[in-house]
Protein backbone atom coordinates (compact mmCIF):
# COMPACT_ATOMS: atom_id res chain seq x y z
CA MET A 1 -0.06 -0.20 -0.12
CA GLU A 2 2.60 2.33 0.88
CA LYS A 3 4.62 2.06 -2.52
CA ALA A 4 1.56 2.50 -4.37
CA LEU A 5 0.72 5.92 -2.74
CA GLN A 6 4.24 6.71 -2.80
CA GLU A 7 3.76 6.29 -6.71
CA LYS A 8 1.00 9.14 -6.61
CA ASP A 9 3.38 11.75 -4.63
CA ILE A 10 1.59 10.92 -1.44
CA ALA A 11 3.96 11.41 1.48
CA THR A 12 3.36 8.34 3.80
CA TYR A 13 4.01 7.24 7.46
CA SER A 14 4.02 3.41 8.01
CA CYS A 15 2.06 2.18 10.83
CA PRO A 16 1.26 -1.30 10.40
CA MET A 17 -1.71 -1.77 13.00
CA ILE A 18 -1.83 -5.76 12.87
CA GLU A 19 0.98 -8.20 12.61
CA THR A 20 0.18 -11.58 10.68
CA LYS A 21 2.13 -14.66 11.45
CA VAL A 22 2.31 -17.81 9.64
CA LEU A 23 3.25 -20.55 12.74
CA PRO A 24 5.71 -22.77 11.79
CA GLU A 25 4.23 -26.21 12.79
CA GLU A 26 0.20 -25.08 12.89
CA ALA A 27 -1.47 -28.27 14.07
CA LYS A 28 -4.84 -27.70 12.32
CA MET A 29 -3.02 -26.69 9.05
CA ASN A 30 -1.19 -30.11 9.03
CA GLN A 31 -4.36 -32.07 10.00
CA PHE A 32 -6.36 -30.14 7.12
CA LEU A 33 -3.31 -31.54 4.69
CA LYS A 34 -4.38 -35.10 5.81
CA GLU A 35 -8.00 -34.52 5.16
CA MET A 36 -7.94 -32.03 1.75
CA GLN A 37 -9.01 -35.10 -0.18
CA ASN A 38 -12.34 -34.68 1.13
CA TYR A 39 -12.76 -30.95 -0.12
CA ASP A 40 -14.19 -29.84 -3.23
CA TYR A 41 -13.03 -26.24 -2.62
CA ILE A 42 -10.72 -24.44 -0.85
CA ALA A 43 -11.06 -20.54 -0.28
CA PHE A 44 -8.20 -18.25 0.51
CA SER A 45 -9.35 -15.28 2.41
CA SER A 46 -5.93 -13.29 2.01
CA ARG A 47 -2.35 -13.85 0.53
CA LYS A 48 -1.12 -14.67 3.89
CA ALA A 49 -3.44 -17.64 3.91
CA ILE A 50 -1.89 -18.76 0.70
CA GLU A 51 1.66 -18.03 1.99
CA SER A 52 0.82 -20.53 5.01
CA PHE A 53 -0.58 -23.06 2.95
CA SER A 54 2.30 -23.21 0.51
CA ILE A 55 4.57 -23.45 3.46
CA ALA A 56 2.74 -26.55 5.10
CA LEU A 57 2.57 -28.16 1.56
CA ALA A 58 6.07 -27.79 0.94
CA LYS A 59 6.48 -29.99 4.33
CA HIS A 60 4.08 -32.28 2.84
CA PRO A 61 4.49 -32.36 -0.73
CA GLU A 62 1.80 -35.98 -0.57
CA ALA A 63 -0.89 -33.78 -0.21
CA LYS A 64 -0.07 -32.08 -3.67
CA LEU A 65 -1.88 -34.77 -5.43
CA TYR A 66 -5.36 -33.96 -4.06
CA LEU A 67 -5.19 -30.37 -5.59
CA GLN A 68 -5.82 -31.70 -9.21
CA GLN A 69 -9.42 -32.61 -7.85
CA ILE A 70 -9.84 -29.62 -5.93
CA THR A 71 -11.33 -26.12 -6.85
CA LEU A 72 -9.02 -23.30 -5.27
CA CYS A 73 -10.63 -19.88 -5.09
CA ALA A 74 -8.57 -16.47 -4.78
CA ILE A 75 -9.45 -12.72 -5.28
CA GLY A 76 -7.96 -9.90 -6.81
CA LYS A 77 -3.88 -9.92 -7.50
CA ASP A 78 -3.91 -12.87 -4.60
CA ALA A 79 -5.05 -15.33 -7.78
CA GLU A 80 -1.77 -14.60 -9.63
CA TYR A 81 -0.10 -14.79 -6.31
CA LEU A 82 -1.46 -18.48 -5.92
CA LYS A 83 -0.73 -19.64 -9.38
CA LYS A 84 2.97 -19.00 -8.80
CA GLU A 85 3.24 -19.99 -5.39
CA LEU A 86 1.50 -23.67 -6.06
CA GLU A 87 2.62 -23.69 -9.65
CA ILE A 88 -1.06 -24.47 -11.02
CA SER A 89 -2.83 -22.63 -13.63
CA ASP A 90 -6.53 -22.61 -12.93
CA VAL A 91 -7.96 -20.71 -10.17
CA LEU A 92 -11.57 -19.41 -9.62
CA LEU A 93 -11.38 -15.90 -9.72
CA PRO A 94 -14.68 -14.08 -8.95
CA ASP A 95 -15.62 -10.80 -10.78
CA GLU A 96 -15.88 -8.65 -7.58
CA ALA A 97 -12.39 -8.79 -5.54
CA SER A 98 -13.82 -10.05 -2.43
CA PRO A 99 -15.05 -13.04 -0.26
CA MET A 100 -18.56 -12.39 -1.29
CA GLY A 101 -17.48 -12.11 -5.05
CA ILE A 102 -16.11 -15.67 -4.30
CA VAL A 103 -19.59 -16.61 -3.32
CA ALA A 104 -21.42 -15.12 -5.88
CA LYS A 105 -19.20 -16.79 -8.46
CA LEU A 106 -19.83 -20.41 -6.31
CA LYS A 107 -23.42 -19.90 -6.74
CA THR A 108 -23.56 -19.86 -10.53
CA ARG A 109 -22.63 -23.57 -10.57
CA PRO A 110 -25.88 -25.80 -10.88
CA ASP A 111 -24.25 -28.60 -8.68
CA ILE A 112 -23.00 -26.37 -5.63
CA SER A 113 -25.23 -27.24 -3.19
CA GLY A 114 -23.57 -29.89 -0.51
CA LYS A 115 -20.06 -29.29 -1.64
CA ARG A 116 -17.41 -28.91 0.78
CA ILE A 117 -15.22 -25.82 1.18
CA ALA A 118 -12.52 -25.38 3.43
CA VAL A 119 -11.81 -21.25 4.29
CA LEU A 120 -8.29 -20.71 5.21
CA ALA A 121 -8.52 -17.68 7.17
CA PRO A 122 -6.89 -16.02 10.18
CA TRP A 123 -7.30 -17.01 13.74
CA VAL A 124 -8.04 -13.32 15.22
CA LYS A 125 -5.97 -13.01 18.42
CA ASP A 126 -6.57 -10.60 21.48
CA ILE A 127 -8.80 -8.07 19.08
CA PRO A 128 -12.43 -8.27 17.90
CA GLU A 129 -12.69 -10.21 14.75
CA PRO A 130 -14.16 -8.08 11.93
CA ASP A 131 -17.36 -9.13 9.91
CA VAL A 132 -15.70 -10.26 6.49
CA VAL A 133 -14.97 -14.30 7.51
CA PRO A 134 -17.85 -14.50 9.64
CA ASP A 135 -20.27 -12.93 6.77
CA PHE A 136 -18.20 -14.94 4.17
CA MET A 137 -18.88 -18.56 5.91
CA ARG A 138 -22.58 -17.62 6.44
CA ALA A 139 -23.03 -16.55 2.83
CA LEU A 140 -21.55 -19.87 1.95
CA GLU A 141 -23.89 -22.04 4.09
CA ALA A 142 -26.60 -19.87 2.73
CA ILE A 143 -26.14 -21.41 -0.90
CA GLN A 144 -25.75 -24.80 0.87
CA MET A 145 -22.35 -25.59 0.77
CA GLN A 146 -20.51 -27.40 3.84
CA VAL A 147 -18.12 -25.29 5.25
CA THR A 148 -15.00 -25.57 7.70
CA ARG A 149 -12.95 -22.88 8.69
CA ILE A 150 -9.35 -23.55 9.04
CA ASP A 151 -6.96 -21.14 11.19
CA ALA A 152 -4.29 -20.73 8.77
CA TYR A 153 -2.07 -17.99 10.48
CA THR A 154 -2.56 -15.60 13.22
CA THR A 155 -3.47 -12.01 13.09
CA CYS A 156 -3.09 -9.90 16.03
CA ALA A 157 -2.06 -6.08 17.14
CA SER A 158 0.98 -4.90 16.30
CA GLU A 159 3.93 -3.93 18.31
CA GLU A 160 3.19 -1.19 21.05
CA ASN A 161 5.85 1.14 19.94
CA ILE A 162 4.14 0.72 16.64
CA GLN A 163 0.76 1.87 18.13
CA ASN A 164 2.29 4.74 20.13
CA ARG A 165 3.86 6.02 16.88
CA PHE A 166 0.20 5.90 15.19
CA ALA A 167 -1.00 8.10 18.27
CA GLU A 168 1.98 10.64 17.94
CA LEU A 169 0.92 11.15 14.34
CA ILE A 170 -2.72 12.03 15.69
CA ARG A 171 -1.62 13.74 18.50
CA THR A 172 0.62 16.16 16.48
CA LYS A 173 -1.29 16.47 13.56
CA THR A 174 1.02 15.45 11.48
CA ALA A 175 -1.14 13.11 9.23
CA SER A 176 -4.37 14.37 7.80
CA CYS A 177 -5.77 10.84 6.44
CA LEU A 178 -6.05 7.20 7.52
CA VAL A 179 -5.95 4.35 5.49
CA PHE A 180 -7.45 1.42 6.05
CA THR A 181 -6.90 -1.95 4.17
CA SER A 182 -9.07 -4.55 6.48
CA GLY A 183 -11.11 -4.35 9.67
CA ALA A 184 -8.58 -5.71 11.88
CA GLU A 185 -6.51 -2.71 11.47
CA ILE A 186 -9.44 -0.29 12.02
CA GLU A 187 -9.90 -2.52 15.22
CA VAL A 188 -6.72 -1.98 16.67
CA ALA A 189 -6.53 2.07 15.79
CA LEU A 190 -9.81 2.48 17.73
CA GLN A 191 -8.35 0.80 20.46
CA THR A 192 -5.08 2.92 20.13
CA CYS A 193 -7.03 6.45 19.97
CA LYS A 194 -9.01 5.21 23.24
CA LYS A 195 -6.13 4.52 25.12
CA HIS A 196 -4.38 7.59 24.17
CA HIS A 197 -7.72 9.80 24.39
CA LEU A 198 -7.57 10.85 20.96
CA SER A 199 -10.31 11.50 18.21
CA THR A 200 -10.13 10.98 14.42
CA ASP A 201 -13.01 13.47 13.77
CA SER A 202 -10.24 16.05 12.02
CA LEU A 203 -8.80 13.23 9.86
CA GLU A 204 -9.86 11.90 6.35
CA ILE A 205 -10.86 8.23 6.50
CA ALA A 206 -9.75 5.96 3.50
CA CYS A 207 -10.74 2.20 3.00
CA PHE A 208 -9.62 -0.27 0.65
CA GLY A 209 -13.20 -1.18 -0.95
CA PRO A 210 -16.64 -1.18 0.51
CA TYR A 211 -16.50 -3.96 2.67
CA THR A 212 -13.91 -2.03 4.75
CA ALA A 213 -15.68 0.82 4.57
CA ALA A 214 -18.62 -0.66 5.52
CA TYR A 215 -16.98 -1.98 8.90
CA ALA A 216 -15.21 1.29 9.65
CA ARG A 217 -18.94 3.07 9.44
CA LYS A 218 -19.89 0.61 11.50
CA LYS A 219 -17.28 1.26 14.08
CA GLY A 220 -18.50 5.11 13.93
CA LEU A 221 -16.00 6.39 11.51
CA LYS A 222 -16.99 8.98 8.96
CA VAL A 223 -15.65 7.23 5.54
CA SER A 224 -14.24 9.74 2.84
CA ILE A 225 -12.71 7.84 0.67
CA VAL A 226 -13.48 4.51 -0.84
CA ALA A 227 -11.83 2.15 -3.75
CA GLN A 228 -13.69 1.12 -6.30
CA ASP A 229 -11.36 -0.77 -7.81
CA PHE A 230 -10.34 -2.79 -4.93
CA SER A 231 -8.47 -5.92 -6.76
CA ALA A 232 -5.25 -4.02 -6.09
CA PHE A 233 -3.54 -1.46 -3.76
CA THR A 234 -3.32 0.77 -6.75
CA GLY A 235 -6.57 1.25 -6.58
CA LEU A 236 -7.13 2.89 -3.48
CA ALA A 237 -4.01 5.02 -3.89
CA THR A 238 -5.65 6.15 -7.13
CA ALA A 239 -8.91 7.12 -5.28
CA ILE A 240 -7.31 9.16 -2.56
CA HIS A 241 -5.08 10.92 -5.02
CA GLN A 242 -8.07 11.99 -6.83
CA TYR A 243 -9.98 12.91 -3.80
CA TYR A 244 -7.06 15.46 -2.88
CA GLN A 245 -6.75 16.69 -6.38
CA ASN A 246 -10.73 17.51 -6.47
CA LYS A 247 -10.34 19.28 -3.13
CA LYS A 248 -7.68 22.00 -4.73
């Protein structure tokens, strides 16, 4: 995201509010690989989920044989990343770059009822889980799929020194816009603001697509900028650049 903004000559202050970690020996992922042949579809909720799956698969190469009979689902630029990581050519890519886009694509398949799908998602640790994955799973169940969630990696708040830097940028009015690419980032940012008795009312809020924006509004934020093209970070960078150009 930072690179995309800098290419638009937008000054950035990097404050990653969350950390995502692939666990070296994740028991649930290892168990999933042993049972993978029982699934018809695998949906990756993020690039980190693909990374986790790829690492686990490298340790259990025998499971690669099952990939020929399973349809893999990924969104936006993650689909190309998935093809490259697993050296495959066929990935279900939805028209809308979102988990709900995957649901819409699957819904068009006449035999989808009763099919088993594994959703590779984060284990959200010590912060409230945003709506995206739970809503995704409910939507899959609504089209009569059998859904199993697999904790592929961990999402947690960033280290305290990063949160303190974020708070200082707001306190000193150094930053004029907050850019969020996920609901988890919003949760940690709001927790940090509450801890430091800070308000975001004077800041512009930019969100990576309608789902992140909806979650921001749900949490009480006034969203000014939403990327219309949310298949890649360049879409949000373009939206931010255009917003400030229009204000001149």
